[in-house]
Amino acid sequence: MTDLEHSICTKLEGVFAARGFTAPGVAELRKGADVSLRTLYKYFPSKEDMIIGALEVRHRRYLSLLKDTAEAAPQDRLTAILGTIERWMQTNAPHGCMDRAALSAYPESEQVSQCVTRHKQETQDQLAALLGLQHKAGELFLIHEGAVSTYPLNGSEVFNWAKSAILSLTQETAS
C-alpha cells in the first residue's frame, strides 16, 4: 500500500467510524478522503473497496498495538493486552467493532466477509501467540469478541471479566 493509499484509507476509516458504512455516499467519502473523485476511484474502484481499505488500515494498527504488548514481561502480558484493547475501545471503537458493523451493513458481500474473517483469524492467532495459549486460541478469541461486543454496554468492566475468564483458562491448562 502506497503512502497515498494509506492516507486515503485512514481518512475513509474516520468517515466510516463517524457515519457508518451505509450512510456516506461516494461524494462524502471523496470529501472525507480529501482527494479528487478520479484519485479515489483509481485506488478504490468501488465503495466495498473503500470499506476494505479502511478496515485493512485499522486492522494493521490494531495488530501492531497488540504486538507491542510482547515487550511486557510474561507475567504482565495479559494485563498489558487487556489494557491495550481497553484503550483501543475507548479511543477507536466506543460504539463497537467496525468489522462487525461492516459485515452487518454488507452481509451479502463476499469481499467484506473475507476481509473480516481474515482479520478475526489474525487477531485470534496473535492473541494466542502472545499468551502462549495456541491450544486455547478459540476460547481466547471468544473472550476477546465477547469483551469487544459488550464494551459499548458495560464499559471497562468487561476487561475485568475477560481477565478472570482468561486466568481460568490458564489455570485449567496448568492442571
N, C-alpha and C. Protein backbone atom coordinates (compact mmCIF):
# COMPACT_ATOMS: atom_id res chain seq x y z
N MET A 1 0.85 -1.17 0.00
CA MET A 1 0.00 0.00 0.00
C MET A 1 0.89 1.24 0.00
N THR A 2 0.64 2.13 -0.93
CA THR A 2 1.43 3.36 -1.02
C THR A 2 1.05 4.30 0.12
N ASP A 3 1.87 5.32 0.30
CA ASP A 3 1.56 6.33 1.32
C ASP A 3 0.23 7.01 1.03
N LEU A 4 -0.02 7.30 -0.25
CA LEU A 4 -1.27 7.95 -0.62
C LEU A 4 -2.47 7.03 -0.31
N GLU A 5 -2.35 5.76 -0.68
CA GLU A 5 -3.43 4.81 -0.38
C GLU A 5 -3.67 4.72 1.13
N HIS A 6 -2.59 4.67 1.88
CA HIS A 6 -2.70 4.60 3.34
C HIS A 6 -3.40 5.84 3.88
N SER A 7 -3.03 6.99 3.39
CA SER A 7 -3.65 8.24 3.81
C SER A 7 -5.14 8.25 3.49
N ILE A 8 -5.49 7.82 2.28
CA ILE A 8 -6.90 7.76 1.88
C ILE A 8 -7.66 6.81 2.81
N CYS A 9 -7.09 5.64 3.03
CA CYS A 9 -7.76 4.63 3.87
C CYS A 9 -7.95 5.13 5.30
N THR A 10 -6.96 5.80 5.83
CA THR A 10 -7.06 6.33 7.19
C THR A 10 -8.18 7.36 7.28
N LYS A 11 -8.27 8.21 6.28
CA LYS A 11 -9.33 9.23 6.27
C LYS A 11 -10.69 8.58 6.04
N LEU A 12 -10.76 7.57 5.18
CA LEU A 12 -12.02 6.85 4.97
C LEU A 12 -12.46 6.17 6.26
N GLU A 13 -11.51 5.61 6.98
CA GLU A 13 -11.82 4.98 8.27
C GLU A 13 -12.51 5.97 9.19
N GLY A 14 -12.02 7.19 9.22
CA GLY A 14 -12.64 8.23 10.05
C GLY A 14 -14.08 8.51 9.64
N VAL A 15 -14.33 8.56 8.34
CA VAL A 15 -15.69 8.80 7.86
C VAL A 15 -16.59 7.63 8.24
N PHE A 16 -16.12 6.41 8.01
CA PHE A 16 -16.94 5.23 8.33
C PHE A 16 -17.17 5.13 9.84
N ALA A 17 -16.17 5.46 10.64
CA ALA A 17 -16.33 5.40 12.09
C ALA A 17 -17.39 6.41 12.56
N ALA A 18 -17.40 7.56 11.93
CA ALA A 18 -18.34 8.61 12.33
C ALA A 18 -19.74 8.41 11.77
N ARG A 19 -19.84 7.88 10.55
CA ARG A 19 -21.13 7.86 9.84
C ARG A 19 -21.66 6.48 9.53
N GLY A 20 -20.88 5.44 9.84
CA GLY A 20 -21.31 4.10 9.48
C GLY A 20 -20.93 3.77 8.05
N PHE A 21 -21.36 2.61 7.60
CA PHE A 21 -20.95 2.15 6.28
C PHE A 21 -21.99 2.39 5.20
N THR A 22 -23.24 2.56 5.58
CA THR A 22 -24.26 2.75 4.55
C THR A 22 -24.59 4.22 4.32
N ALA A 23 -24.49 5.05 5.34
CA ALA A 23 -24.90 6.46 5.22
C ALA A 23 -24.05 7.28 4.25
N PRO A 24 -22.73 7.24 4.33
CA PRO A 24 -21.98 8.14 3.45
C PRO A 24 -21.98 7.65 2.01
N GLY A 25 -22.26 8.58 1.11
CA GLY A 25 -22.16 8.29 -0.32
C GLY A 25 -20.75 8.56 -0.79
N VAL A 26 -20.51 8.29 -2.04
CA VAL A 26 -19.16 8.46 -2.59
C VAL A 26 -18.71 9.92 -2.52
N ALA A 27 -19.63 10.86 -2.71
CA ALA A 27 -19.25 12.28 -2.64
C ALA A 27 -18.73 12.63 -1.24
N GLU A 28 -19.40 12.13 -0.21
CA GLU A 28 -18.95 12.37 1.16
C GLU A 28 -17.63 11.66 1.43
N LEU A 29 -17.48 10.46 0.93
CA LEU A 29 -16.23 9.71 1.12
C LEU A 29 -15.07 10.40 0.42
N ARG A 30 -15.32 10.92 -0.79
CA ARG A 30 -14.29 11.65 -1.53
C ARG A 30 -13.86 12.88 -0.74
N LYS A 31 -14.85 13.60 -0.23
CA LYS A 31 -14.54 14.80 0.55
C LYS A 31 -13.77 14.43 1.82
N GLY A 32 -14.21 13.38 2.49
CA GLY A 32 -13.52 12.94 3.70
C GLY A 32 -12.10 12.47 3.45
N ALA A 33 -11.89 11.85 2.29
CA ALA A 33 -10.56 11.37 1.93
C ALA A 33 -9.65 12.49 1.45
N ASP A 34 -10.26 13.63 1.14
CA ASP A 34 -9.53 14.82 0.70
C ASP A 34 -8.72 14.56 -0.57
N VAL A 35 -9.37 13.88 -1.52
CA VAL A 35 -8.76 13.63 -2.83
C VAL A 35 -9.83 13.86 -3.90
N SER A 36 -9.40 13.91 -5.14
CA SER A 36 -10.37 14.04 -6.23
C SER A 36 -11.11 12.71 -6.40
N LEU A 37 -12.26 12.79 -7.04
CA LEU A 37 -13.03 11.58 -7.31
C LEU A 37 -12.22 10.62 -8.19
N ARG A 38 -11.50 11.18 -9.12
CA ARG A 38 -10.66 10.35 -10.01
C ARG A 38 -9.61 9.59 -9.20
N THR A 39 -8.95 10.27 -8.27
CA THR A 39 -7.93 9.62 -7.44
C THR A 39 -8.55 8.56 -6.55
N LEU A 40 -9.68 8.88 -5.96
CA LEU A 40 -10.35 7.92 -5.09
C LEU A 40 -10.68 6.65 -5.87
N TYR A 41 -11.28 6.80 -7.04
CA TYR A 41 -11.66 5.63 -7.84
C TYR A 41 -10.46 4.91 -8.45
N LYS A 42 -9.36 5.63 -8.65
CA LYS A 42 -8.15 4.99 -9.17
C LYS A 42 -7.66 3.91 -8.21
N TYR A 43 -7.69 4.22 -6.92
CA TYR A 43 -7.19 3.28 -5.93
C TYR A 43 -8.28 2.38 -5.35
N PHE A 44 -9.50 2.89 -5.34
CA PHE A 44 -10.62 2.15 -4.74
C PHE A 44 -11.83 2.25 -5.67
N PRO A 45 -11.93 1.33 -6.64
CA PRO A 45 -12.94 1.42 -7.69
C PRO A 45 -14.39 1.26 -7.22
N SER A 46 -14.61 0.80 -6.01
CA SER A 46 -15.98 0.64 -5.52
C SER A 46 -16.04 1.02 -4.04
N LYS A 47 -17.25 1.22 -3.55
CA LYS A 47 -17.41 1.54 -2.14
C LYS A 47 -16.93 0.36 -1.28
N GLU A 48 -17.16 -0.85 -1.74
CA GLU A 48 -16.67 -2.01 -0.99
C GLU A 48 -15.15 -1.99 -0.89
N ASP A 49 -14.48 -1.60 -1.96
CA ASP A 49 -13.02 -1.50 -1.92
C ASP A 49 -12.58 -0.43 -0.92
N MET A 50 -13.35 0.65 -0.83
CA MET A 50 -13.04 1.70 0.13
C MET A 50 -13.20 1.17 1.56
N ILE A 51 -14.26 0.42 1.79
CA ILE A 51 -14.51 -0.17 3.11
C ILE A 51 -13.38 -1.12 3.49
N ILE A 52 -13.01 -1.97 2.56
CA ILE A 52 -11.95 -2.95 2.82
C ILE A 52 -10.63 -2.24 3.09
N GLY A 53 -10.33 -1.21 2.32
CA GLY A 53 -9.10 -0.44 2.57
C GLY A 53 -9.08 0.17 3.96
N ALA A 54 -10.20 0.76 4.36
CA ALA A 54 -10.29 1.36 5.69
C ALA A 54 -10.16 0.30 6.78
N LEU A 55 -10.84 -0.83 6.59
CA LEU A 55 -10.74 -1.91 7.59
C LEU A 55 -9.33 -2.47 7.67
N GLU A 56 -8.67 -2.56 6.52
CA GLU A 56 -7.31 -3.10 6.49
C GLU A 56 -6.34 -2.21 7.28
N VAL A 57 -6.40 -0.92 7.05
CA VAL A 57 -5.52 0.01 7.76
C VAL A 57 -5.79 -0.05 9.26
N ARG A 58 -7.06 -0.10 9.61
CA ARG A 58 -7.45 -0.18 11.02
C ARG A 58 -6.93 -1.46 11.65
N HIS A 59 -7.10 -2.56 10.94
CA HIS A 59 -6.66 -3.86 11.45
C HIS A 59 -5.16 -3.91 11.67
N ARG A 60 -4.41 -3.39 10.71
CA ARG A 60 -2.94 -3.38 10.87
C ARG A 60 -2.53 -2.58 12.10
N ARG A 61 -3.21 -1.47 12.33
CA ARG A 61 -2.91 -0.65 13.50
C ARG A 61 -3.24 -1.42 14.79
N TYR A 62 -4.35 -2.12 14.80
CA TYR A 62 -4.76 -2.90 15.98
C TYR A 62 -3.75 -4.01 16.27
N LEU A 63 -3.38 -4.77 15.24
CA LEU A 63 -2.40 -5.84 15.44
C LEU A 63 -1.05 -5.29 15.90
N SER A 64 -0.68 -4.15 15.38
CA SER A 64 0.59 -3.53 15.79
C SER A 64 0.56 -3.16 17.27
N LEU A 65 -0.56 -2.63 17.73
CA LEU A 65 -0.69 -2.31 19.15
C LEU A 65 -0.63 -3.57 20.01
N LEU A 66 -1.31 -4.61 19.57
CA LEU A 66 -1.25 -5.87 20.32
C LEU A 66 0.17 -6.43 20.33
N LYS A 67 0.84 -6.36 19.19
CA LYS A 67 2.21 -6.87 19.09
C LYS A 67 3.15 -6.16 20.06
N ASP A 68 2.91 -4.89 20.27
CA ASP A 68 3.74 -4.12 21.20
C ASP A 68 3.67 -4.66 22.62
N THR A 69 2.60 -5.37 22.96
CA THR A 69 2.47 -5.92 24.32
C THR A 69 3.43 -7.07 24.56
N ALA A 70 4.04 -7.61 23.51
CA ALA A 70 5.01 -8.70 23.66
C ALA A 70 6.23 -8.24 24.46
N GLU A 71 6.43 -6.94 24.53
CA GLU A 71 7.56 -6.40 25.29
C GLU A 71 7.34 -6.51 26.79
N ALA A 72 6.09 -6.69 27.21
CA ALA A 72 5.80 -6.82 28.64
C ALA A 72 6.32 -8.17 29.14
N ALA A 73 6.72 -8.20 30.39
CA ALA A 73 7.15 -9.47 31.00
C ALA A 73 6.01 -10.47 30.90
N PRO A 74 6.32 -11.75 30.73
CA PRO A 74 5.26 -12.75 30.57
C PRO A 74 4.17 -12.69 31.64
N GLN A 75 4.54 -12.44 32.88
CA GLN A 75 3.54 -12.39 33.95
C GLN A 75 2.67 -11.14 33.87
N ASP A 76 3.11 -10.13 33.11
CA ASP A 76 2.35 -8.88 32.97
C ASP A 76 1.66 -8.76 31.62
N ARG A 77 1.88 -9.73 30.75
CA ARG A 77 1.41 -9.61 29.37
C ARG A 77 -0.12 -9.57 29.26
N LEU A 78 -0.81 -10.40 30.03
CA LEU A 78 -2.27 -10.41 29.97
C LEU A 78 -2.83 -9.04 30.33
N THR A 79 -2.32 -8.45 31.39
CA THR A 79 -2.77 -7.12 31.80
C THR A 79 -2.45 -6.10 30.71
N ALA A 80 -1.27 -6.21 30.10
CA ALA A 80 -0.89 -5.29 29.02
C ALA A 80 -1.82 -5.44 27.81
N ILE A 81 -2.13 -6.66 27.44
CA ILE A 81 -3.02 -6.90 26.29
C ILE A 81 -4.40 -6.33 26.57
N LEU A 82 -4.96 -6.64 27.71
CA LEU A 82 -6.30 -6.16 28.03
C LEU A 82 -6.33 -4.64 28.16
N GLY A 83 -5.27 -4.05 28.70
CA GLY A 83 -5.18 -2.59 28.78
C GLY A 83 -5.13 -1.96 27.40
N THR A 84 -4.40 -2.59 26.48
CA THR A 84 -4.31 -2.11 25.10
C THR A 84 -5.68 -2.17 24.42
N ILE A 85 -6.37 -3.29 24.59
CA ILE A 85 -7.69 -3.44 23.97
C ILE A 85 -8.66 -2.43 24.57
N GLU A 86 -8.58 -2.24 25.88
CA GLU A 86 -9.47 -1.26 26.53
C GLU A 86 -9.23 0.15 25.98
N ARG A 87 -7.98 0.55 25.87
CA ARG A 87 -7.67 1.88 25.31
C ARG A 87 -8.14 1.97 23.87
N TRP A 88 -7.98 0.89 23.11
CA TRP A 88 -8.45 0.87 21.72
C TRP A 88 -9.95 1.12 21.68
N MET A 89 -10.68 0.42 22.52
CA MET A 89 -12.13 0.56 22.53
C MET A 89 -12.52 1.99 22.93
N GLN A 90 -11.85 2.54 23.91
CA GLN A 90 -12.17 3.89 24.37
C GLN A 90 -11.94 4.93 23.29
N THR A 91 -10.85 4.78 22.54
CA THR A 91 -10.47 5.82 21.58
C THR A 91 -10.87 5.52 20.14
N ASN A 92 -10.98 4.25 19.78
CA ASN A 92 -11.21 3.90 18.38
C ASN A 92 -12.53 3.19 18.10
N ALA A 93 -13.15 2.64 19.13
CA ALA A 93 -14.35 1.84 18.88
C ALA A 93 -15.35 1.91 20.04
N PRO A 94 -15.68 3.11 20.51
CA PRO A 94 -16.58 3.20 21.66
C PRO A 94 -17.98 2.64 21.38
N HIS A 95 -18.33 2.53 20.10
CA HIS A 95 -19.65 2.01 19.74
C HIS A 95 -19.59 0.56 19.28
N GLY A 96 -18.42 -0.05 19.35
CA GLY A 96 -18.28 -1.45 18.99
C GLY A 96 -17.35 -1.66 17.81
N CYS A 97 -17.25 -2.90 17.42
CA CYS A 97 -16.32 -3.35 16.40
C CYS A 97 -16.75 -2.89 15.00
N MET A 98 -15.86 -2.20 14.30
CA MET A 98 -16.16 -1.75 12.94
C MET A 98 -16.25 -2.91 11.96
N ASP A 99 -15.48 -3.97 12.19
CA ASP A 99 -15.57 -5.13 11.31
C ASP A 99 -16.99 -5.69 11.32
N ARG A 100 -17.53 -5.84 12.51
CA ARG A 100 -18.90 -6.37 12.64
C ARG A 100 -19.91 -5.42 12.01
N ALA A 101 -19.69 -4.11 12.18
CA ALA A 101 -20.58 -3.12 11.57
C ALA A 101 -20.53 -3.21 10.05
N ALA A 102 -19.34 -3.41 9.50
CA ALA A 102 -19.20 -3.54 8.04
C ALA A 102 -19.92 -4.78 7.55
N LEU A 103 -19.76 -5.86 8.27
CA LEU A 103 -20.42 -7.12 7.91
C LEU A 103 -21.94 -6.99 8.00
N SER A 104 -22.41 -6.27 8.99
CA SER A 104 -23.85 -6.04 9.13
C SER A 104 -24.38 -5.17 7.99
N ALA A 105 -23.60 -4.18 7.59
CA ALA A 105 -24.03 -3.27 6.53
C ALA A 105 -23.97 -3.93 5.15
N TYR A 106 -23.06 -4.89 4.97
CA TYR A 106 -22.87 -5.55 3.68
C TYR A 106 -22.86 -7.07 3.86
N PRO A 107 -23.96 -7.64 4.34
CA PRO A 107 -23.98 -9.08 4.64
C PRO A 107 -23.84 -9.98 3.41
N GLU A 108 -24.15 -9.46 2.24
CA GLU A 108 -24.06 -10.25 1.01
C GLU A 108 -22.71 -10.12 0.32
N SER A 109 -21.85 -9.26 0.82
CA SER A 109 -20.57 -9.01 0.17
C SER A 109 -19.54 -10.07 0.54
N GLU A 110 -19.13 -10.84 -0.44
CA GLU A 110 -18.09 -11.85 -0.22
C GLU A 110 -16.76 -11.19 0.13
N GLN A 111 -16.48 -10.03 -0.51
CA GLN A 111 -15.24 -9.30 -0.23
C GLN A 111 -15.16 -8.86 1.22
N VAL A 112 -16.23 -8.26 1.72
CA VAL A 112 -16.25 -7.78 3.09
C VAL A 112 -16.17 -8.97 4.05
N SER A 113 -16.91 -10.01 3.76
CA SER A 113 -16.89 -11.21 4.60
C SER A 113 -15.49 -11.81 4.68
N GLN A 114 -14.81 -11.94 3.56
CA GLN A 114 -13.46 -12.50 3.56
C GLN A 114 -12.49 -11.60 4.32
N CYS A 115 -12.63 -10.30 4.16
CA CYS A 115 -11.76 -9.35 4.86
C CYS A 115 -11.95 -9.47 6.37
N VAL A 116 -13.19 -9.46 6.82
CA VAL A 116 -13.47 -9.55 8.25
C VAL A 116 -13.02 -10.90 8.81
N THR A 117 -13.28 -11.97 8.08
CA THR A 117 -12.87 -13.30 8.53
C THR A 117 -11.36 -13.38 8.70
N ARG A 118 -10.63 -12.85 7.74
CA ARG A 118 -9.16 -12.85 7.82
C ARG A 118 -8.68 -12.02 9.00
N HIS A 119 -9.27 -10.87 9.19
CA HIS A 119 -8.88 -10.01 10.32
C HIS A 119 -9.12 -10.70 11.64
N LYS A 120 -10.27 -11.33 11.76
CA LYS A 120 -10.61 -12.00 13.02
C LYS A 120 -9.66 -13.19 13.27
N GLN A 121 -9.33 -13.93 12.22
CA GLN A 121 -8.41 -15.05 12.37
C GLN A 121 -7.02 -14.58 12.79
N GLU A 122 -6.55 -13.51 12.18
CA GLU A 122 -5.23 -12.97 12.55
C GLU A 122 -5.22 -12.45 13.99
N THR A 123 -6.32 -11.86 14.41
CA THR A 123 -6.41 -11.40 15.80
C THR A 123 -6.36 -12.59 16.75
N GLN A 124 -7.12 -13.62 16.43
CA GLN A 124 -7.12 -14.84 17.25
C GLN A 124 -5.72 -15.42 17.34
N ASP A 125 -5.06 -15.56 16.21
CA ASP A 125 -3.71 -16.14 16.18
C ASP A 125 -2.73 -15.31 17.01
N GLN A 126 -2.82 -13.98 16.88
CA GLN A 126 -1.88 -13.13 17.60
C GLN A 126 -2.12 -13.18 19.10
N LEU A 127 -3.36 -13.15 19.52
CA LEU A 127 -3.65 -13.24 20.96
C LEU A 127 -3.12 -14.55 21.54
N ALA A 128 -3.38 -15.65 20.84
CA ALA A 128 -2.93 -16.96 21.32
C ALA A 128 -1.41 -17.01 21.41
N ALA A 129 -0.73 -16.47 20.39
CA ALA A 129 0.73 -16.48 20.39
C ALA A 129 1.29 -15.61 21.52
N LEU A 130 0.72 -14.44 21.72
CA LEU A 130 1.21 -13.54 22.76
C LEU A 130 1.08 -14.14 24.16
N LEU A 131 0.02 -14.91 24.35
CA LEU A 131 -0.20 -15.51 25.67
C LEU A 131 0.31 -16.94 25.77
N GLY A 132 0.84 -17.47 24.68
CA GLY A 132 1.34 -18.84 24.68
C GLY A 132 0.22 -19.85 24.90
N LEU A 133 -0.95 -19.54 24.40
CA LEU A 133 -2.12 -20.41 24.59
C LEU A 133 -2.71 -20.82 23.23
N GLN A 134 -1.84 -21.26 22.32
CA GLN A 134 -2.32 -21.63 20.99
C GLN A 134 -3.37 -22.74 21.05
N HIS A 135 -3.25 -23.63 22.01
CA HIS A 135 -4.21 -24.73 22.15
C HIS A 135 -5.56 -24.25 22.70
N LYS A 136 -5.62 -23.01 23.13
CA LYS A 136 -6.87 -22.41 23.63
C LYS A 136 -7.23 -21.17 22.80
N ALA A 137 -6.78 -21.14 21.56
CA ALA A 137 -6.99 -19.96 20.71
C ALA A 137 -8.47 -19.63 20.53
N GLY A 138 -9.29 -20.65 20.33
CA GLY A 138 -10.72 -20.41 20.14
C GLY A 138 -11.36 -19.81 21.37
N GLU A 139 -11.00 -20.31 22.53
CA GLU A 139 -11.55 -19.79 23.77
C GLU A 139 -11.10 -18.34 24.00
N LEU A 140 -9.82 -18.07 23.73
CA LEU A 140 -9.31 -16.70 23.85
C LEU A 140 -10.06 -15.76 22.92
N PHE A 141 -10.26 -16.22 21.70
CA PHE A 141 -10.94 -15.39 20.71
C PHE A 141 -12.39 -15.12 21.15
N LEU A 142 -13.04 -16.12 21.67
CA LEU A 142 -14.41 -15.93 22.15
C LEU A 142 -14.46 -14.89 23.28
N ILE A 143 -13.49 -14.94 24.17
CA ILE A 143 -13.42 -13.96 25.25
C ILE A 143 -13.16 -12.57 24.68
N HIS A 144 -12.24 -12.47 23.73
CA HIS A 144 -11.93 -11.19 23.08
C HIS A 144 -13.17 -10.61 22.43
N GLU A 145 -13.85 -11.42 21.64
CA GLU A 145 -15.03 -10.93 20.92
C GLU A 145 -16.15 -10.57 21.88
N GLY A 146 -16.29 -11.34 22.96
CA GLY A 146 -17.29 -11.00 23.96
C GLY A 146 -17.00 -9.67 24.62
N ALA A 147 -15.74 -9.43 24.94
CA ALA A 147 -15.36 -8.17 25.57
C ALA A 147 -15.59 -6.99 24.62
N VAL A 148 -15.17 -7.16 23.37
CA VAL A 148 -15.32 -6.10 22.38
C VAL A 148 -16.81 -5.83 22.10
N SER A 149 -17.60 -6.88 22.03
CA SER A 149 -19.03 -6.72 21.73
C SER A 149 -19.81 -6.10 22.88
N THR A 150 -19.43 -6.43 24.10
CA THR A 150 -20.19 -5.92 25.25
C THR A 150 -19.64 -4.62 25.81
N TYR A 151 -18.48 -4.20 25.34
CA TYR A 151 -17.89 -2.95 25.82
C TYR A 151 -18.85 -1.76 25.71
N PRO A 152 -19.54 -1.56 24.57
CA PRO A 152 -20.44 -0.40 24.49
C PRO A 152 -21.54 -0.40 25.56
N LEU A 153 -21.91 -1.58 26.03
CA LEU A 153 -22.97 -1.67 27.06
C LEU A 153 -22.43 -1.62 28.48
N ASN A 154 -21.29 -2.26 28.70
CA ASN A 154 -20.78 -2.44 30.06
C ASN A 154 -19.50 -1.69 30.38
N GLY A 155 -18.90 -1.06 29.40
CA GLY A 155 -17.70 -0.28 29.63
C GLY A 155 -16.51 -1.13 30.05
N SER A 156 -15.60 -0.51 30.75
CA SER A 156 -14.32 -1.13 31.10
C SER A 156 -14.44 -2.36 31.98
N GLU A 157 -15.55 -2.54 32.63
CA GLU A 157 -15.75 -3.72 33.49
C GLU A 157 -15.56 -5.01 32.70
N VAL A 158 -15.84 -4.99 31.40
CA VAL A 158 -15.72 -6.22 30.60
C VAL A 158 -14.29 -6.74 30.60
N PHE A 159 -13.32 -5.87 30.79
CA PHE A 159 -11.93 -6.32 30.77
C PHE A 159 -11.56 -7.03 32.07
N ASN A 160 -12.22 -6.70 33.16
CA ASN A 160 -12.06 -7.47 34.40
C ASN A 160 -12.63 -8.87 34.20
N TRP A 161 -13.79 -8.94 33.57
CA TRP A 161 -14.41 -10.24 33.29
C TRP A 161 -13.53 -11.07 32.36
N ALA A 162 -13.00 -10.41 31.34
CA ALA A 162 -12.14 -11.11 30.38
C ALA A 162 -10.89 -11.65 31.08
N LYS A 163 -10.29 -10.84 31.94
CA LYS A 163 -9.10 -11.27 32.65
C LYS A 163 -9.40 -12.50 33.51
N SER A 164 -10.51 -12.46 34.21
CA SER A 164 -10.91 -13.59 35.05
C SER A 164 -11.11 -14.85 34.21
N ALA A 165 -11.76 -14.71 33.07
CA ALA A 165 -12.01 -15.86 32.20
C ALA A 165 -10.71 -16.42 31.64
N ILE A 166 -9.80 -15.53 31.23
CA ILE A 166 -8.53 -15.99 30.68
C ILE A 166 -7.67 -16.65 31.76
N LEU A 167 -7.67 -16.07 32.95
CA LEU A 167 -6.93 -16.71 34.04
C LEU A 167 -7.49 -18.09 34.36
N SER A 168 -8.80 -18.25 34.26
CA SER A 168 -9.40 -19.58 34.44
C SER A 168 -8.88 -20.55 33.40
N LEU A 169 -8.73 -20.06 32.17
CA LEU A 169 -8.18 -20.91 31.10
C LEU A 169 -6.75 -21.33 31.42
N THR A 170 -5.96 -20.40 31.90
CA THR A 170 -4.55 -20.73 32.17
C THR A 170 -4.42 -21.67 33.35
N GLN A 171 -5.29 -21.52 34.34
CA GLN A 171 -5.27 -22.44 35.48
C GLN A 171 -5.72 -23.84 35.05
N GLU A 172 -6.70 -23.88 34.15
CA GLU A 172 -7.18 -25.15 33.62
C GLU A 172 -6.07 -25.84 32.85
N THR A 173 -5.30 -25.03 32.10
CA THR A 173 -4.20 -25.59 31.31
C THR A 173 -3.09 -26.10 32.21
N ALA A 174 -2.84 -25.41 33.31
CA ALA A 174 -1.77 -25.81 34.23
C ALA A 174 -2.11 -27.10 34.98
N SER A 175 -3.38 -27.39 35.11
CA SER A 175 -3.80 -28.59 35.86
C SER A 175 -3.52 -29.85 35.10
